[in-house]
Amino acid sequence: MVQLSVRQKEELLRGVSTDTLERMVLQGESRAKVGGINRRLALLEGRQRKRRVLQMESRK
């Protein structure tokens, strides 16, 4: 069972709908598919972190 934080769920709503994801998890969909979503999330978070750092730098 894949545990999703609330933040992950919110971010997933932009791409994959949460109910689709939960259905995949409940049906024990291949971990590769769920892993792919997690990888996409990680990329998303990395991009956001980068943007946040850049914004902080530009405020100085």
N, C-alpha and C. Protein backbone atom coordinates (compact mmCIF):
# COMPACT_ATOMS: atom_id res chain seq x y z
N MET A 1 0.85 -1.20 0.00
CA MET A 1 0.00 0.00 0.00
C MET A 1 0.88 1.25 0.00
N VAL A 2 0.62 2.14 -0.88
CA VAL A 2 1.43 3.36 -0.98
C VAL A 2 0.75 4.46 -0.17
N GLN A 3 1.48 5.02 0.78
CA GLN A 3 0.94 6.11 1.59
C GLN A 3 1.25 7.43 0.91
N LEU A 4 0.22 8.26 0.76
CA LEU A 4 0.41 9.57 0.14
C LEU A 4 0.16 10.66 1.16
N SER A 5 1.05 11.63 1.22
CA SER A 5 0.81 12.76 2.10
C SER A 5 -0.25 13.65 1.46
N VAL A 6 -0.84 14.51 2.25
CA VAL A 6 -1.87 15.41 1.73
C VAL A 6 -1.28 16.27 0.62
N ARG A 7 -0.04 16.73 0.82
CA ARG A 7 0.61 17.59 -0.16
C ARG A 7 0.79 16.84 -1.47
N GLN A 8 1.21 15.58 -1.40
CA GLN A 8 1.38 14.78 -2.61
C GLN A 8 0.05 14.65 -3.33
N LYS A 9 -1.01 14.42 -2.56
CA LYS A 9 -2.32 14.27 -3.18
C LYS A 9 -2.71 15.56 -3.89
N GLU A 10 -2.46 16.69 -3.25
CA GLU A 10 -2.79 17.99 -3.86
C GLU A 10 -2.02 18.17 -5.16
N GLU A 11 -0.74 17.79 -5.13
CA GLU A 11 0.08 17.95 -6.34
C GLU A 11 -0.37 16.98 -7.42
N LEU A 12 -0.80 15.80 -7.01
CA LEU A 12 -1.26 14.82 -7.98
C LEU A 12 -2.54 15.27 -8.67
N LEU A 13 -3.35 16.05 -7.97
CA LEU A 13 -4.61 16.51 -8.55
C LEU A 13 -4.37 17.33 -9.81
N ARG A 14 -3.18 17.93 -9.88
CA ARG A 14 -2.85 18.69 -11.09
C ARG A 14 -2.66 17.76 -12.28
N GLY A 15 -2.16 16.58 -12.00
CA GLY A 15 -1.92 15.62 -13.09
C GLY A 15 -2.92 14.48 -13.05
N VAL A 16 -2.58 13.45 -12.28
CA VAL A 16 -3.45 12.28 -12.16
C VAL A 16 -4.48 12.58 -11.08
N SER A 17 -5.73 12.28 -11.33
CA SER A 17 -6.74 12.50 -10.29
C SER A 17 -6.50 11.50 -9.16
N THR A 18 -6.75 11.95 -7.93
CA THR A 18 -6.45 11.14 -6.75
C THR A 18 -7.21 9.83 -6.75
N ASP A 19 -8.49 9.87 -7.18
CA ASP A 19 -9.26 8.62 -7.16
C ASP A 19 -8.67 7.59 -8.12
N THR A 20 -8.12 8.07 -9.23
CA THR A 20 -7.45 7.16 -10.16
C THR A 20 -6.26 6.52 -9.46
N LEU A 21 -5.49 7.35 -8.77
CA LEU A 21 -4.31 6.87 -8.06
C LEU A 21 -4.71 5.87 -6.98
N GLU A 22 -5.74 6.22 -6.20
CA GLU A 22 -6.18 5.33 -5.12
C GLU A 22 -6.68 4.01 -5.69
N ARG A 23 -7.37 4.06 -6.83
CA ARG A 23 -7.85 2.84 -7.46
C ARG A 23 -6.65 1.98 -7.87
N MET A 24 -5.63 2.63 -8.43
CA MET A 24 -4.42 1.90 -8.82
C MET A 24 -3.80 1.21 -7.61
N VAL A 25 -3.71 1.96 -6.50
CA VAL A 25 -3.10 1.43 -5.29
C VAL A 25 -3.93 0.28 -4.74
N LEU A 26 -5.26 0.48 -4.68
CA LEU A 26 -6.14 -0.55 -4.14
C LEU A 26 -6.08 -1.82 -4.98
N GLN A 27 -5.99 -1.67 -6.28
CA GLN A 27 -5.93 -2.84 -7.16
C GLN A 27 -4.52 -3.44 -7.18
N GLY A 28 -3.62 -2.83 -6.41
CA GLY A 28 -2.25 -3.32 -6.37
C GLY A 28 -1.59 -3.20 -7.73
N GLU A 29 -1.86 -2.08 -8.38
CA GLU A 29 -1.29 -1.80 -9.70
C GLU A 29 0.23 -1.91 -9.61
N SER A 30 0.88 -2.20 -10.72
CA SER A 30 2.33 -2.41 -10.73
C SER A 30 3.04 -1.23 -10.06
N ARG A 31 3.99 -1.56 -9.19
CA ARG A 31 4.72 -0.53 -8.47
C ARG A 31 5.44 0.42 -9.42
N ALA A 32 5.79 -0.08 -10.58
CA ALA A 32 6.49 0.75 -11.56
C ALA A 32 5.63 1.96 -11.93
N LYS A 33 4.33 1.70 -12.09
CA LYS A 33 3.42 2.78 -12.47
C LYS A 33 3.33 3.81 -11.35
N VAL A 34 3.14 3.29 -10.12
CA VAL A 34 3.05 4.17 -8.96
C VAL A 34 4.40 4.87 -8.76
N GLY A 35 5.48 4.12 -8.99
CA GLY A 35 6.82 4.68 -8.87
C GLY A 35 7.03 5.80 -9.87
N GLY A 36 6.47 5.63 -11.06
CA GLY A 36 6.58 6.67 -12.08
C GLY A 36 5.91 7.95 -11.63
N ILE A 37 4.77 7.79 -10.94
CA ILE A 37 4.07 8.96 -10.43
C ILE A 37 4.90 9.62 -9.34
N ASN A 38 5.50 8.79 -8.47
CA ASN A 38 6.35 9.33 -7.41
C ASN A 38 7.54 10.07 -8.00
N ARG A 39 8.09 9.52 -9.09
CA ARG A 39 9.23 10.16 -9.73
C ARG A 39 8.80 11.52 -10.29
N ARG A 40 7.61 11.53 -10.89
CA ARG A 40 7.09 12.78 -11.45
C ARG A 40 6.90 13.81 -10.33
N LEU A 41 6.41 13.32 -9.17
CA LEU A 41 6.23 14.18 -8.00
C LEU A 41 7.56 14.76 -7.55
N ALA A 42 8.58 13.90 -7.51
CA ALA A 42 9.90 14.34 -7.07
C ALA A 42 10.44 15.42 -8.00
N LEU A 43 10.24 15.23 -9.30
CA LEU A 43 10.67 16.24 -10.27
C LEU A 43 9.93 17.54 -10.05
N LEU A 44 8.63 17.41 -9.83
CA LEU A 44 7.78 18.57 -9.59
C LEU A 44 8.28 19.34 -8.37
N GLU A 45 8.55 18.59 -7.28
CA GLU A 45 9.03 19.21 -6.04
C GLU A 45 10.38 19.86 -6.25
N GLY A 46 11.25 19.20 -7.00
CA GLY A 46 12.58 19.75 -7.28
C GLY A 46 12.47 21.07 -8.01
N ARG A 47 11.58 21.09 -9.01
CA ARG A 47 11.38 22.31 -9.79
C ARG A 47 10.85 23.43 -8.91
N GLN A 48 9.89 23.10 -8.04
CA GLN A 48 9.31 24.11 -7.15
C GLN A 48 10.35 24.63 -6.17
N ARG A 49 11.19 23.72 -5.65
CA ARG A 49 12.22 24.12 -4.70
C ARG A 49 13.19 25.08 -5.38
N LYS A 50 13.56 24.73 -6.63
CA LYS A 50 14.49 25.57 -7.39
C LYS A 50 13.89 26.96 -7.57
N ARG A 51 12.60 26.99 -7.94
CA ARG A 51 11.92 28.25 -8.17
C ARG A 51 11.90 29.08 -6.88
N ARG A 52 11.63 28.40 -5.75
CA ARG A 52 11.57 29.08 -4.45
C ARG A 52 12.92 29.70 -4.11
N VAL A 53 13.99 28.94 -4.34
CA VAL A 53 15.33 29.43 -4.06
C VAL A 53 15.63 30.65 -4.92
N LEU A 54 15.27 30.56 -6.20
CA LEU A 54 15.50 31.69 -7.11
C LEU A 54 14.73 32.92 -6.67
N GLN A 55 13.49 32.72 -6.23
CA GLN A 55 12.68 33.85 -5.76
C GLN A 55 13.31 34.49 -4.53
N MET A 56 13.80 33.66 -3.62
CA MET A 56 14.43 34.18 -2.41
C MET A 56 15.69 34.96 -2.76
N GLU A 57 16.45 34.46 -3.72
CA GLU A 57 17.68 35.13 -4.14
C GLU A 57 17.36 36.50 -4.73
N SER A 58 16.28 36.56 -5.53
CA SER A 58 15.96 37.81 -6.21
C SER A 58 15.41 38.87 -5.24
N ARG A 59 14.94 38.43 -4.06
CA ARG A 59 14.40 39.38 -3.07
C ARG A 59 15.51 40.12 -2.35
N LYS A 60 16.70 39.49 -2.28
CA LYS A 60 17.81 40.08 -1.52
C LYS A 60 18.23 41.42 -2.09
